[in-house]
């Protein structure tokens, strides 16, 4: 492990940092080539691995050697390569796979946007609209369907992995109904329905999103009799009544949209209703490097931002919510337990 004593000297570290794009590109290349999926638990010669993933052996060795410097794959003394804990996360079949996230964070549009970060910092505005002539998600769905598919897979996998932790953390024993707002395919609400057999749940998200809701929640599914799927835009209205509202990872758009969404929740719930907000934070968390990088990416693509604890509490209280408790869900997420004041 790198410590203050063993860390590279500043000139070397800065050189490494400015070549960060090479590291990101190497991870993307390995993910797209399926190198991690092809590598077994035994040390493997590059020639054999190259034959499996259909590449040239020499450049593949160069790619793996670069990645091994960061702990992604390991080169053995005899020149073979083996898995590491990180490289296994690039496997599609790993239960904690980050392959989809690795691809999403290195999609082609990101390479267009990052060089304009100084412009975004100067103006406070996103750069995607000037790059492509349209709002980010319109561009994604209309002009970059492959990237849209990567986004959907990344969000689905991320939601699958965190939903169980969210359900384990939340105590809904006194509630009869819960609504997951902007809940994607419904992983969180499904986990909560599993935990509480008498609970009823609603999933509200955009029509094109809930069309692909989990089969368990749809007609014929084992949770369908306790689940309601509601197509809609939470920024426009919240046409769902519930004892508890869960809002996860959607309060990172611009301030106006965030205020409008929270206002809709307060109006729908009424006095005393529980509202649980779950977000990444950019202060005092173990995931600072990741969350601050995502914060900058949000500035580039939608003009949004990740929150500090203070900024999140400020937004919640200004919307008419009282914050009762703040707890970590995992190293990446925090839950803000709130209720509607009046």
C-alpha atoms as a PDB file:
ATOM      1  CA  UNK A   1       0.000   0.000   0.000  1.00  0.00           C
ATOM      2  CA  UNK A   2       1.242   3.474  -0.836  1.00  0.00           C
ATOM      3  CA  UNK A   3       1.924   5.655   2.218  1.00  0.00           C
ATOM      4  CA  UNK A   4       3.312   9.155   2.637  1.00  0.00           C
ATOM      5  CA  UNK A   5       6.738   7.563   3.038  1.00  0.00           C
ATOM      6  CA  UNK A   6       6.518   5.327  -0.029  1.00  0.00           C
ATOM      7  CA  UNK A   7       4.553   7.648  -2.345  1.00  0.00           C
ATOM      8  CA  UNK A   8       6.403   8.777  -5.493  1.00  0.00           C
ATOM      9  CA  UNK A   9       8.106  12.180  -5.244  1.00  0.00           C
ATOM     10  CA  UNK A  10       5.989  15.128  -6.472  1.00  0.00           C
ATOM     11  CA  UNK A  11       7.544  15.417  -9.972  1.00  0.00           C
ATOM     12  CA  UNK A  12       6.948  11.718 -10.643  1.00  0.00           C
ATOM     13  CA  UNK A  13       3.428  11.787  -9.186  1.00  0.00           C
ATOM     14  CA  UNK A  14       2.441  14.799 -11.299  1.00  0.00           C
ATOM     15  CA  UNK A  15       3.752  13.066 -14.408  1.00  0.00           C
ATOM     16  CA  UNK A  16       1.609  10.066 -13.506  1.00  0.00           C
ATOM     17  CA  UNK A  17      -1.440  12.254 -12.959  1.00  0.00           C
ATOM     18  CA  UNK A  18      -1.217  14.021 -16.316  1.00  0.00           C
ATOM     19  CA  UNK A  19      -1.119  10.609 -17.964  1.00  0.00           C
ATOM     20  CA  UNK A  20      -4.275   9.598 -16.139  1.00  0.00           C
ATOM     21  CA  UNK A  21      -6.078   9.418 -19.473  1.00  0.00           C
ATOM     22  CA  UNK A  22      -3.764   6.582 -20.496  1.00  0.00           C
ATOM     23  CA  UNK A  23      -4.757   4.592 -17.427  1.00  0.00           C
ATOM     24  CA  UNK A  24      -8.485   5.196 -18.037  1.00  0.00           C
ATOM     25  CA  UNK A  25      -8.069   4.249 -21.705  1.00  0.00           C
ATOM     26  CA  UNK A  26      -6.214   1.085 -20.726  1.00  0.00           C
ATOM     27  CA  UNK A  27      -9.005   0.019 -18.372  1.00  0.00           C
ATOM     28  CA  UNK A  28     -11.560   0.738 -21.114  1.00  0.00           C
ATOM     29  CA  UNK A  29      -9.577  -1.246 -23.678  1.00  0.00           C
ATOM     30  CA  UNK A  30      -9.289  -4.251 -21.359  1.00  0.00           C
ATOM     31  CA  UNK A  31     -13.019  -4.092 -20.634  1.00  0.00           C
ATOM     32  CA  UNK A  32     -13.986  -3.845 -24.316  1.00  0.00           C
ATOM     33  CA  UNK A  33     -11.608  -6.638 -25.304  1.00  0.00           C
ATOM     34  CA  UNK A  34     -12.941  -8.893 -22.563  1.00  0.00           C
ATOM     35  CA  UNK A  35      -9.478  -9.623 -21.186  1.00  0.00           C
ATOM     36  CA  UNK A  36     -10.688 -10.179 -17.623  1.00  0.00           C
ATOM     37  CA  UNK A  37     -13.398 -12.554 -18.811  1.00  0.00           C
ATOM     38  CA  UNK A  38     -10.876 -14.549 -20.829  1.00  0.00           C
ATOM     39  CA  UNK A  39      -8.305 -14.825 -18.036  1.00  0.00           C
ATOM     40  CA  UNK A  40      -8.823 -17.855 -15.795  1.00  0.00           C
ATOM     41  CA  UNK A  41      -7.576 -18.378 -12.253  1.00  0.00           C
ATOM     42  CA  UNK A  42      -4.361 -19.893 -13.606  1.00  0.00           C
ATOM     43  CA  UNK A  43      -1.338 -17.859 -14.800  1.00  0.00           C
ATOM     44  CA  UNK A  44      -1.769 -17.405 -18.542  1.00  0.00           C
ATOM     45  CA  UNK A  45       0.721 -16.678 -21.293  1.00  0.00           C
ATOM     46  CA  UNK A  46       0.034 -13.526 -23.269  1.00  0.00           C
ATOM     47  CA  UNK A  47       0.063 -15.529 -26.518  1.00  0.00           C
ATOM     48  CA  UNK A  48      -2.772 -17.726 -25.269  1.00  0.00           C
ATOM     49  CA  UNK A  49      -4.735 -14.769 -23.949  1.00  0.00           C
ATOM     50  CA  UNK A  50      -4.256 -12.889 -27.222  1.00  0.00           C
ATOM     51  CA  UNK A  51      -5.597 -15.835 -29.191  1.00  0.00           C
ATOM     52  CA  UNK A  52      -8.713 -15.898 -27.011  1.00  0.00           C
ATOM     53  CA  UNK A  53      -9.488 -12.177 -27.222  1.00  0.00           C
ATOM     54  CA  UNK A  54      -8.301 -11.886 -30.845  1.00  0.00           C
ATOM     55  CA  UNK A  55      -5.485  -9.358 -30.447  1.00  0.00           C
ATOM     56  CA  UNK A  56      -1.806  -9.218 -31.267  1.00  0.00           C
ATOM     57  CA  UNK A  57       0.323 -10.608 -28.396  1.00  0.00           C
ATOM     58  CA  UNK A  58       2.912  -7.824 -28.193  1.00  0.00           C
ATOM     59  CA  UNK A  59       0.535  -4.851 -27.831  1.00  0.00           C
ATOM     60  CA  UNK A  60      -1.621  -6.907 -25.454  1.00  0.00           C
ATOM     61  CA  UNK A  61       1.420  -7.437 -23.231  1.00  0.00           C
ATOM     62  CA  UNK A  62       2.021  -3.678 -23.265  1.00  0.00           C
ATOM     63  CA  UNK A  63      -1.578  -3.045 -22.233  1.00  0.00           C
ATOM     64  CA  UNK A  64      -1.440  -5.588 -19.405  1.00  0.00           C
ATOM     65  CA  UNK A  65       1.918  -4.322 -18.183  1.00  0.00           C
ATOM     66  CA  UNK A  66       0.556  -0.764 -17.992  1.00  0.00           C
ATOM     67  CA  UNK A  67      -2.508  -1.936 -16.064  1.00  0.00           C
ATOM     68  CA  UNK A  68      -0.446  -4.086 -13.703  1.00  0.00           C
ATOM     69  CA  UNK A  69       1.296  -0.908 -12.522  1.00  0.00           C
ATOM     70  CA  UNK A  70      -2.070   0.061 -10.991  1.00  0.00           C
ATOM     71  CA  UNK A  71      -2.912  -3.356  -9.572  1.00  0.00           C
ATOM     72  CA  UNK A  72      -5.215  -4.315 -12.458  1.00  0.00           C
ATOM     73  CA  UNK A  73      -3.809  -7.745 -13.422  1.00  0.00           C
ATOM     74  CA  UNK A  74      -0.404  -8.926 -12.183  1.00  0.00           C
ATOM     75  CA  UNK A  75       2.629  -9.947 -14.212  1.00  0.00           C
ATOM     76  CA  UNK A  76       4.490 -13.011 -12.918  1.00  0.00           C
ATOM     77  CA  UNK A  77       8.282 -13.516 -13.091  1.00  0.00           C
ATOM     78  CA  UNK A  78       7.857 -15.918 -16.023  1.00  0.00           C
ATOM     79  CA  UNK A  79       5.930 -13.322 -18.060  1.00  0.00           C
ATOM     80  CA  UNK A  80       2.484 -14.811 -17.535  1.00  0.00           C
ATOM     81  CA  UNK A  81      -0.405 -12.755 -16.151  1.00  0.00           C
ATOM     82  CA  UNK A  82      -2.873 -13.447 -13.366  1.00  0.00           C
ATOM     83  CA  UNK A  83      -5.950 -11.828 -11.903  1.00  0.00           C
ATOM     84  CA  UNK A  84      -5.965  -9.374  -9.013  1.00  0.00           C
ATOM     85  CA  UNK A  85      -8.884  -8.283  -6.858  1.00  0.00           C
ATOM     86  CA  UNK A  86      -9.312  -5.270  -9.152  1.00  0.00           C
ATOM     87  CA  UNK A  87      -9.057  -7.086 -12.469  1.00  0.00           C
ATOM     88  CA  UNK A  88     -11.774  -9.523 -11.391  1.00  0.00           C
ATOM     89  CA  UNK A  89     -14.107  -6.533 -11.100  1.00  0.00           C
ATOM     90  CA  UNK A  90     -13.818  -6.141 -14.880  1.00  0.00           C
ATOM     91  CA  UNK A  91     -15.383  -9.567 -15.406  1.00  0.00           C
ATOM     92  CA  UNK A  92     -18.977  -9.439 -16.595  1.00  0.00           C
ATOM     93  CA  UNK A  93     -19.918 -12.369 -14.350  1.00  0.00           C
ATOM     94  CA  UNK A  94     -18.422 -11.022 -11.122  1.00  0.00           C
ATOM     95  CA  UNK A  95     -21.219 -10.244  -8.611  1.00  0.00           C
ATOM     96  CA  UNK A  96     -19.520  -6.923  -7.838  1.00  0.00           C
ATOM     97  CA  UNK A  97     -18.582  -6.200 -11.447  1.00  0.00           C
ATOM     98  CA  UNK A  98     -17.605  -2.636 -12.321  1.00  0.00           C
ATOM     99  CA  UNK A  99     -17.190  -3.323 -16.029  1.00  0.00           C
ATOM    100  CA  UNK A 100     -20.245  -1.308 -17.021  1.00  0.00           C
ATOM    101  CA  UNK A 101     -19.196   1.633 -14.830  1.00  0.00           C
ATOM    102  CA  UNK A 102     -15.671   1.496 -16.281  1.00  0.00           C
ATOM    103  CA  UNK A 103     -17.126   1.744 -19.781  1.00  0.00           C
ATOM    104  CA  UNK A 104     -19.627   4.464 -18.874  1.00  0.00           C
ATOM    105  CA  UNK A 105     -16.968   6.724 -17.364  1.00  0.00           C
ATOM    106  CA  UNK A 106     -14.818   6.390 -20.507  1.00  0.00           C
ATOM    107  CA  UNK A 107     -17.446   6.622 -23.245  1.00  0.00           C
ATOM    108  CA  UNK A 108     -16.493   8.626 -26.388  1.00  0.00           C
ATOM    109  CA  UNK A 109     -18.375  11.764 -25.298  1.00  0.00           C
ATOM    110  CA  UNK A 110     -16.224  11.994 -22.150  1.00  0.00           C
ATOM    111  CA  UNK A 111     -13.090  12.377 -24.284  1.00  0.00           C
ATOM    112  CA  UNK A 112     -14.758  15.291 -26.067  1.00  0.00           C
ATOM    113  CA  UNK A 113     -15.877  16.939 -22.825  1.00  0.00           C
ATOM    114  CA  UNK A 114     -12.902  16.653 -20.448  1.00  0.00           C
ATOM    115  CA  UNK A 115     -10.636  19.049 -22.434  1.00  0.00           C
ATOM    116  CA  UNK A 116     -13.296  21.745 -21.936  1.00  0.00           C
ATOM    117  CA  UNK A 117     -13.316  21.498 -18.137  1.00  0.00           C
ATOM    118  CA  UNK A 118     -11.669  24.904 -17.819  1.00  0.00           C
ATOM    119  CA  UNK A 119     -14.559  26.398 -19.819  1.00  0.00           C
ATOM    120  CA  UNK A 120     -17.100  24.741 -17.520  1.00  0.00           C
ATOM    121  CA  UNK A 121     -15.232  26.011 -14.449  1.00  0.00           C
ATOM    122  CA  UNK A 122     -15.141  29.566 -15.844  1.00  0.00           C
ATOM    123  CA  UNK A 123     -18.828  29.676 -16.745  1.00  0.00           C
ATOM    124  CA  UNK A 124     -20.416  27.171 -14.359  1.00  0.00           C
ATOM    125  CA  UNK A 125     -22.273  25.718 -17.346  1.00  0.00           C
ATOM    126  CA  UNK A 126     -22.185  22.275 -18.928  1.00  0.00           C
ATOM    127  CA  UNK A 127     -20.250  21.918 -22.179  1.00  0.00           C
ATOM    128  CA  UNK A 128     -22.246  19.129 -23.803  1.00  0.00           C
ATOM    129  CA  UNK A 129     -24.864  21.438 -25.303  1.00  0.00           C
ATOM    130  CA  UNK A 130     -22.185  23.494 -27.043  1.00  0.00           C
ATOM    131  CA  UNK A 131     -20.452  20.307 -28.214  1.00  0.00           C
ATOM    132  CA  UNK A 132     -23.495  18.508 -29.598  1.00  0.00           C
ATOM    133  CA  UNK A 133     -26.192  21.153 -29.863  1.00  0.00           C
ATOM    134  CA  UNK A 134     -28.623  19.493 -27.475  1.00  0.00           C
ATOM    135  CA  UNK A 135     -29.196  18.577 -23.839  1.00  0.00           C
ATOM    136  CA  UNK A 136     -27.103  15.645 -22.646  1.00  0.00           C
ATOM    137  CA  UNK A 137     -29.722  12.914 -22.342  1.00  0.00           C
ATOM    138  CA  UNK A 138     -31.352  13.977 -25.611  1.00  0.00           C
ATOM    139  CA  UNK A 139     -27.958  13.653 -27.275  1.00  0.00           C
ATOM    140  CA  UNK A 140     -27.358  10.298 -25.620  1.00  0.00           C
ATOM    141  CA  UNK A 141     -30.659   8.737 -26.659  1.00  0.00           C
ATOM    142  CA  UNK A 142     -30.924  10.339 -30.102  1.00  0.00           C
ATOM    143  CA  UNK A 143     -27.330  10.395 -31.346  1.00  0.00           C
ATOM    144  CA  UNK A 144     -25.358   7.924 -29.216  1.00  0.00           C
ATOM    145  CA  UNK A 145     -27.560   4.864 -28.643  1.00  0.00           C
ATOM    146  CA  UNK A 146     -24.583   2.649 -27.812  1.00  0.00           C
ATOM    147  CA  UNK A 147     -23.550   5.047 -25.051  1.00  0.00           C
ATOM    148  CA  UNK A 148     -27.159   5.194 -23.865  1.00  0.00           C
ATOM    149  CA  UNK A 149     -27.138   1.409 -23.601  1.00  0.00           C
ATOM    150  CA  UNK A 150     -23.870   1.500 -21.642  1.00  0.00           C
ATOM    151  CA  UNK A 151     -25.397   4.105 -19.309  1.00  0.00           C
ATOM    152  CA  UNK A 152     -28.474   1.976 -18.693  1.00  0.00           C
ATOM    153  CA  UNK A 153     -26.387  -1.114 -17.986  1.00  0.00           C
ATOM    154  CA  UNK A 154     -24.083   0.812 -15.656  1.00  0.00           C
ATOM    155  CA  UNK A 155     -26.961   2.321 -13.696  1.00  0.00           C
ATOM    156  CA  UNK A 156     -28.718  -1.046 -13.505  1.00  0.00           C
ATOM    157  CA  UNK A 157     -25.641  -2.829 -12.198  1.00  0.00           C
ATOM    158  CA  UNK A 158     -24.901  -0.043  -9.720  1.00  0.00           C
ATOM    159  CA  UNK A 159     -28.489  -0.114  -8.485  1.00  0.00           C
ATOM    160  CA  UNK A 160     -28.445  -3.896  -8.119  1.00  0.00           C
ATOM    161  CA  UNK A 161     -25.327  -3.725  -5.996  1.00  0.00           C
ATOM    162  CA  UNK A 162     -26.480  -0.939  -3.677  1.00  0.00           C
ATOM    163  CA  UNK A 163     -30.174  -1.862  -3.376  1.00  0.00           C
ATOM    164  CA  UNK A 164     -29.545  -4.672  -0.899  1.00  0.00           C
ATOM    165  CA  UNK A 165     -27.443  -2.363   1.285  1.00  0.00           C
ATOM    166  CA  UNK A 166     -30.106   0.337   1.182  1.00  0.00           C
ATOM    167  CA  UNK A 167     -32.819  -2.142   2.157  1.00  0.00           C
ATOM    168  CA  UNK A 168     -30.688  -3.523   4.980  1.00  0.00           C
ATOM    169  CA  UNK A 169     -30.123  -0.022   6.382  1.00  0.00           C
ATOM    170  CA  UNK A 170     -33.705   1.275   6.271  1.00  0.00           C
ATOM    171  CA  UNK A 171     -36.194   0.480   9.004  1.00  0.00           C
ATOM    172  CA  UNK A 172     -39.669   0.645   7.453  1.00  0.00           C
ATOM    173  CA  UNK A 173     -41.345  -1.555  10.050  1.00  0.00           C
ATOM    174  CA  UNK A 174     -43.908   1.136  10.859  1.00  0.00           C
ATOM    175  CA  UNK A 175     -44.831   1.902   7.251  1.00  0.00           C
ATOM    176  CA  UNK A 176     -47.462   0.370   5.009  1.00  0.00           C
ATOM    177  CA  UNK A 177     -46.263   1.904   1.718  1.00  0.00           C
ATOM    178  CA  UNK A 178     -43.060   3.145   0.108  1.00  0.00           C
ATOM    179  CA  UNK A 179     -42.413   5.002  -3.145  1.00  0.00           C
ATOM    180  CA  UNK A 180     -39.083   4.901  -4.962  1.00  0.00           C
ATOM    181  CA  UNK A 181     -38.811   8.102  -6.994  1.00  0.00           C
ATOM    182  CA  UNK A 182     -36.612   7.980 -10.061  1.00  0.00           C
ATOM    183  CA  UNK A 183     -35.980   4.383  -9.050  1.00  0.00           C
ATOM    184  CA  UNK A 184     -34.962   3.004 -12.427  1.00  0.00           C
ATOM    185  CA  UNK A 185     -35.936  -0.625 -12.839  1.00  0.00           C
ATOM    186  CA  UNK A 186     -37.036  -0.958  -9.223  1.00  0.00           C
ATOM    187  CA  UNK A 187     -34.189  -2.763  -7.471  1.00  0.00           C
ATOM    188  CA  UNK A 188     -34.546  -0.783  -4.245  1.00  0.00           C
ATOM    189  CA  UNK A 189     -38.307  -1.161  -3.989  1.00  0.00           C
ATOM    190  CA  UNK A 190     -38.054  -4.884  -4.777  1.00  0.00           C
ATOM    191  CA  UNK A 191     -35.525  -5.386  -1.974  1.00  0.00           C
ATOM    192  CA  UNK A 192     -37.739  -3.464   0.437  1.00  0.00           C
ATOM    193  CA  UNK A 193     -40.776  -5.556  -0.504  1.00  0.00           C
ATOM    194  CA  UNK A 194     -38.707  -8.676   0.103  1.00  0.00           C
ATOM    195  CA  UNK A 195     -37.711  -7.407   3.545  1.00  0.00           C
ATOM    196  CA  UNK A 196     -41.235  -6.396   4.569  1.00  0.00           C
ATOM    197  CA  UNK A 197     -43.858  -8.915   3.323  1.00  0.00           C
ATOM    198  CA  UNK A 198     -46.852  -6.641   4.081  1.00  0.00           C
ATOM    199  CA  UNK A 199     -45.370  -3.484   2.539  1.00  0.00           C
ATOM    200  CA  UNK A 200     -46.733  -2.025  -0.677  1.00  0.00           C
ATOM    201  CA  UNK A 201     -44.382  -0.271  -3.074  1.00  0.00           C
ATOM    202  CA  UNK A 202     -44.518   2.172  -5.973  1.00  0.00           C
ATOM    203  CA  UNK A 203     -41.884   2.760  -8.622  1.00  0.00           C
ATOM    204  CA  UNK A 204     -41.960   6.144 -10.383  1.00  0.00           C
ATOM    205  CA  UNK A 205     -39.653   6.937 -13.276  1.00  0.00           C
ATOM    206  CA  UNK A 206     -39.717   8.023 -16.908  1.00  0.00           C
ATOM    207  CA  UNK A 207     -41.915   5.911 -19.202  1.00  0.00           C
ATOM    208  CA  UNK A 208     -38.966   4.546 -21.227  1.00  0.00           C
ATOM    209  CA  UNK A 209     -37.297   3.511 -17.944  1.00  0.00           C
ATOM    210  CA  UNK A 210     -40.193   1.746 -16.214  1.00  0.00           C
ATOM    211  CA  UNK A 211     -40.975  -0.134 -19.419  1.00  0.00           C
ATOM    212  CA  UNK A 212     -37.982  -2.221 -18.396  1.00  0.00           C
ATOM    213  CA  UNK A 213     -38.920  -2.554 -14.729  1.00  0.00           C
ATOM    214  CA  UNK A 214     -37.934  -5.777 -13.023  1.00  0.00           C
ATOM    215  CA  UNK A 215     -40.190  -8.670 -14.122  1.00  0.00           C
ATOM    216  CA  UNK A 216     -40.846  -9.362 -10.434  1.00  0.00           C
ATOM    217  CA  UNK A 217     -42.723  -6.054 -10.196  1.00  0.00           C
ATOM    218  CA  UNK A 218     -44.700  -6.456 -13.401  1.00  0.00           C
ATOM    219  CA  UNK A 219     -47.827  -8.470 -14.089  1.00  0.00           C
ATOM    220  CA  UNK A 220     -47.148 -12.112 -13.380  1.00  0.00           C
ATOM    221  CA  UNK A 221     -44.187 -11.366 -11.111  1.00  0.00           C
ATOM    222  CA  UNK A 222     -44.029 -12.580  -7.536  1.00  0.00           C
ATOM    223  CA  UNK A 223     -44.176  -8.996  -6.193  1.00  0.00           C
ATOM    224  CA  UNK A 224     -46.729  -7.649  -8.684  1.00  0.00           C
ATOM    225  CA  UNK A 225     -49.677  -7.778  -6.262  1.00  0.00           C
ATOM    226  CA  UNK A 226     -47.860  -5.379  -3.915  1.00  0.00           C
ATOM    227  CA  UNK A 227     -46.189  -3.186  -6.527  1.00  0.00           C
ATOM    228  CA  UNK A 228     -47.384  -0.259  -8.622  1.00  0.00           C
ATOM    229  CA  UNK A 229     -45.389   0.970 -11.607  1.00  0.00           C
ATOM    230  CA  UNK A 230     -46.013   4.643 -12.375  1.00  0.00           C
ATOM    231  CA  UNK A 231     -44.567   6.298 -15.507  1.00  0.00           C
ATOM    232  CA  UNK A 232     -43.775   9.965 -14.989  1.00  0.00           C
ATOM    233  CA  UNK A 233     -41.194  12.679 -14.425  1.00  0.00           C
ATOM    234  CA  UNK A 234     -40.526  13.432 -10.759  1.00  0.00           C
ATOM    235  CA  UNK A 235     -39.404  16.922 -11.752  1.00  0.00           C
ATOM    236  CA  UNK A 236     -42.913  17.597 -13.088  1.00  0.00           C
ATOM    237  CA  UNK A 237     -45.023  15.945 -10.363  1.00  0.00           C
ATOM    238  CA  UNK A 238     -45.163  13.085  -7.858  1.00  0.00           C
ATOM    239  CA  UNK A 239     -48.567  11.446  -8.428  1.00  0.00           C
ATOM    240  CA  UNK A 240     -47.990   8.806  -5.747  1.00  0.00           C
ATOM    241  CA  UNK A 241     -49.074   8.726  -2.093  1.00  0.00           C
ATOM    242  CA  UNK A 242     -46.864   6.804   0.323  1.00  0.00           C
ATOM    243  CA  UNK A 243     -45.779   6.710   3.950  1.00  0.00           C
ATOM    244  CA  UNK A 244     -42.131   6.817   2.902  1.00  0.00           C
ATOM    245  CA  UNK A 245     -40.475   8.321  -0.181  1.00  0.00           C
ATOM    246  CA  UNK A 246     -37.013   7.147  -1.237  1.00  0.00           C
ATOM    247  CA  UNK A 247     -34.938   9.424  -3.488  1.00  0.00           C
ATOM    248  CA  UNK A 248     -31.647   7.883  -4.574  1.00  0.00           C
ATOM    249  CA  UNK A 249     -28.958   9.508  -6.723  1.00  0.00           C
ATOM    250  CA  UNK A 250     -31.196  11.946  -8.569  1.00  0.00           C
ATOM    251  CA  UNK A 251     -30.575  15.177  -6.615  1.00  0.00           C
ATOM    252  CA  UNK A 252     -27.477  16.007  -8.621  1.00  0.00           C
ATOM    253  CA  UNK A 253     -29.023  17.995 -11.457  1.00  0.00           C
ATOM    254  CA  UNK A 254     -29.130  21.782 -11.491  1.00  0.00           C
ATOM    255  CA  UNK A 255     -30.422  23.578  -8.379  1.00  0.00           C
ATOM    256  CA  UNK A 256     -33.743  24.528  -9.977  1.00  0.00           C
ATOM    257  CA  UNK A 257     -34.607  20.939 -10.887  1.00  0.00           C
ATOM    258  CA  UNK A 258     -33.595  19.723  -7.438  1.00  0.00           C
ATOM    259  CA  UNK A 259     -35.766  22.325  -5.716  1.00  0.00           C
ATOM    260  CA  UNK A 260     -38.706  21.505  -7.979  1.00  0.00           C
ATOM    261  CA  UNK A 261     -38.406  17.759  -7.321  1.00  0.00           C
ATOM    262  CA  UNK A 262     -38.209  18.178  -3.550  1.00  0.00           C
ATOM    263  CA  UNK A 263     -41.158  20.576  -3.653  1.00  0.00           C
ATOM    264  CA  UNK A 264     -43.186  17.942  -5.490  1.00  0.00           C
ATOM    265  CA  UNK A 265     -42.327  15.360  -2.822  1.00  0.00           C
ATOM    266  CA  UNK A 266     -43.287  17.681   0.032  1.00  0.00           C
ATOM    267  CA  UNK A 267     -46.589  18.473  -1.684  1.00  0.00           C
ATOM    268  CA  UNK A 268     -47.366  14.793  -2.354  1.00  0.00           C
ATOM    269  CA  UNK A 269     -46.430  13.579   1.111  1.00  0.00           C
ATOM    270  CA  UNK A 270     -47.732  16.199   3.460  1.00  0.00           C
ATOM    271  CA  UNK A 271     -46.774  16.934   7.047  1.00  0.00           C
ATOM    272  CA  UNK A 272     -44.817  14.234   8.867  1.00  0.00           C
ATOM    273  CA  UNK A 273     -44.155  12.050   5.826  1.00  0.00           C
ATOM    274  CA  UNK A 274     -40.752  10.335   5.852  1.00  0.00           C
ATOM    275  CA  UNK A 275     -38.394  11.184   3.006  1.00  0.00           C
ATOM    276  CA  UNK A 276     -35.116   9.298   2.673  1.00  0.00           C
ATOM    277  CA  UNK A 277     -32.533  10.843   0.374  1.00  0.00           C
ATOM    278  CA  UNK A 278     -29.535   8.737  -0.648  1.00  0.00           C
ATOM    279  CA  UNK A 279     -26.586  10.396  -2.386  1.00  0.00           C
ATOM    280  CA  UNK A 280     -22.843  10.405  -2.917  1.00  0.00           C
ATOM    281  CA  UNK A 281     -21.030  13.102  -0.974  1.00  0.00           C
ATOM    282  CA  UNK A 282     -17.874  15.009  -1.810  1.00  0.00           C
ATOM    283  CA  UNK A 283     -16.761  15.679   1.758  1.00  0.00           C
ATOM    284  CA  UNK A 284     -15.260  13.434   4.412  1.00  0.00           C
ATOM    285  CA  UNK A 285     -15.941  10.058   2.793  1.00  0.00           C
ATOM    286  CA  UNK A 286     -13.624   7.194   1.814  1.00  0.00           C
ATOM    287  CA  UNK A 287     -14.697   7.626  -1.826  1.00  0.00           C
ATOM    288  CA  UNK A 288     -13.527  11.220  -2.243  1.00  0.00           C
ATOM    289  CA  UNK A 289     -11.390  10.622  -5.345  1.00  0.00           C
ATOM    290  CA  UNK A 290     -14.233   8.864  -7.136  1.00  0.00           C
ATOM    291  CA  UNK A 291     -17.044  11.168  -6.009  1.00  0.00           C
ATOM    292  CA  UNK A 292     -15.146  14.391  -6.769  1.00  0.00           C
ATOM    293  CA  UNK A 293     -14.319  13.064 -10.242  1.00  0.00           C
ATOM    294  CA  UNK A 294     -17.997  12.235 -10.822  1.00  0.00           C
ATOM    295  CA  UNK A 295     -18.826  15.719  -9.540  1.00  0.00           C
ATOM    296  CA  UNK A 296     -16.685  17.249 -12.295  1.00  0.00           C
ATOM    297  CA  UNK A 297     -18.227  14.941 -14.890  1.00  0.00           C
ATOM    298  CA  UNK A 298     -21.696  16.117 -13.832  1.00  0.00           C
ATOM    299  CA  UNK A 299     -20.554  19.699 -14.322  1.00  0.00           C
ATOM    300  CA  UNK A 300     -19.506  18.823 -17.859  1.00  0.00           C
ATOM    301  CA  UNK A 301     -22.550  16.861 -19.000  1.00  0.00           C
ATOM    302  CA  UNK A 302     -25.637  18.238 -17.224  1.00  0.00           C
ATOM    303  CA  UNK A 303     -24.354  21.190 -15.233  1.00  0.00           C
ATOM    304  CA  UNK A 304     -25.107  19.305 -12.034  1.00  0.00           C
ATOM    305  CA  UNK A 305     -23.111  18.575  -8.902  1.00  0.00           C
ATOM    306  CA  UNK A 306     -22.513  16.057  -6.167  1.00  0.00           C
ATOM    307  CA  UNK A 307     -23.205  17.425  -2.701  1.00  0.00           C
ATOM    308  CA  UNK A 308     -21.370  18.133   0.492  1.00  0.00           C
ATOM    309  CA  UNK A 309     -23.221  17.276   3.693  1.00  0.00           C
ATOM    310  CA  UNK A 310     -23.821  20.983   4.253  1.00  0.00           C
ATOM    311  CA  UNK A 311     -25.149  21.677   0.747  1.00  0.00           C
ATOM    312  CA  UNK A 312     -27.466  18.675   0.883  1.00  0.00           C
ATOM    313  CA  UNK A 313     -28.865  19.661   4.278  1.00  0.00           C
ATOM    314  CA  UNK A 314     -29.358  23.196   2.965  1.00  0.00           C
ATOM    315  CA  UNK A 315     -31.341  22.029  -0.035  1.00  0.00           C
ATOM    316  CA  UNK A 316     -33.466  19.671   2.027  1.00  0.00           C
ATOM    317  CA  UNK A 317     -34.340  22.204   4.720  1.00  0.00           C
ATOM    318  CA  UNK A 318     -35.087  24.955   2.209  1.00  0.00           C
ATOM    319  CA  UNK A 319     -37.575  22.596   0.560  1.00  0.00           C
ATOM    320  CA  UNK A 320     -39.494  22.128   3.812  1.00  0.00           C
ATOM    321  CA  UNK A 321     -37.832  18.991   5.159  1.00  0.00           C
ATOM    322  CA  UNK A 322     -36.260  18.441   8.559  1.00  0.00           C
ATOM    323  CA  UNK A 323     -33.164  16.242   8.602  1.00  0.00           C
ATOM    324  CA  UNK A 324     -33.384  13.746  11.460  1.00  0.00           C
ATOM    325  CA  UNK A 325     -30.312  11.593  10.821  1.00  0.00           C
ATOM    326  CA  UNK A 326     -27.442  11.075   8.382  1.00  0.00           C
ATOM    327  CA  UNK A 327     -25.929   7.591   8.051  1.00  0.00           C
ATOM    328  CA  UNK A 328     -23.530   5.882   5.640  1.00  0.00           C
ATOM    329  CA  UNK A 329     -25.049   3.181   3.442  1.00  0.00           C
ATOM    330  CA  UNK A 330     -21.625   2.076   2.204  1.00  0.00           C
ATOM    331  CA  UNK A 331     -18.331   3.898   1.465  1.00  0.00           C
ATOM    332  CA  UNK A 332     -19.975   5.625  -1.520  1.00  0.00           C
ATOM    333  CA  UNK A 333     -23.455   6.562  -0.321  1.00  0.00           C
ATOM    334  CA  UNK A 334     -25.055   8.366   2.608  1.00  0.00           C
ATOM    335  CA  UNK A 335     -28.705   8.307   3.652  1.00  0.00           C
ATOM    336  CA  UNK A 336     -30.437  11.478   4.889  1.00  0.00           C
ATOM    337  CA  UNK A 337     -33.450  10.548   7.006  1.00  0.00           C
ATOM    338  CA  UNK A 338     -35.979  13.398   6.826  1.00  0.00           C
ATOM    339  CA  UNK A 339     -39.605  14.272   7.422  1.00  0.00           C
ATOM    340  CA  UNK A 340     -41.898  16.906   5.935  1.00  0.00           C
ATOM    341  CA  UNK A 341     -42.191  19.827   8.367  1.00  0.00           C
ATOM    342  CA  UNK A 342     -45.499  21.363   7.451  1.00  0.00           C
END
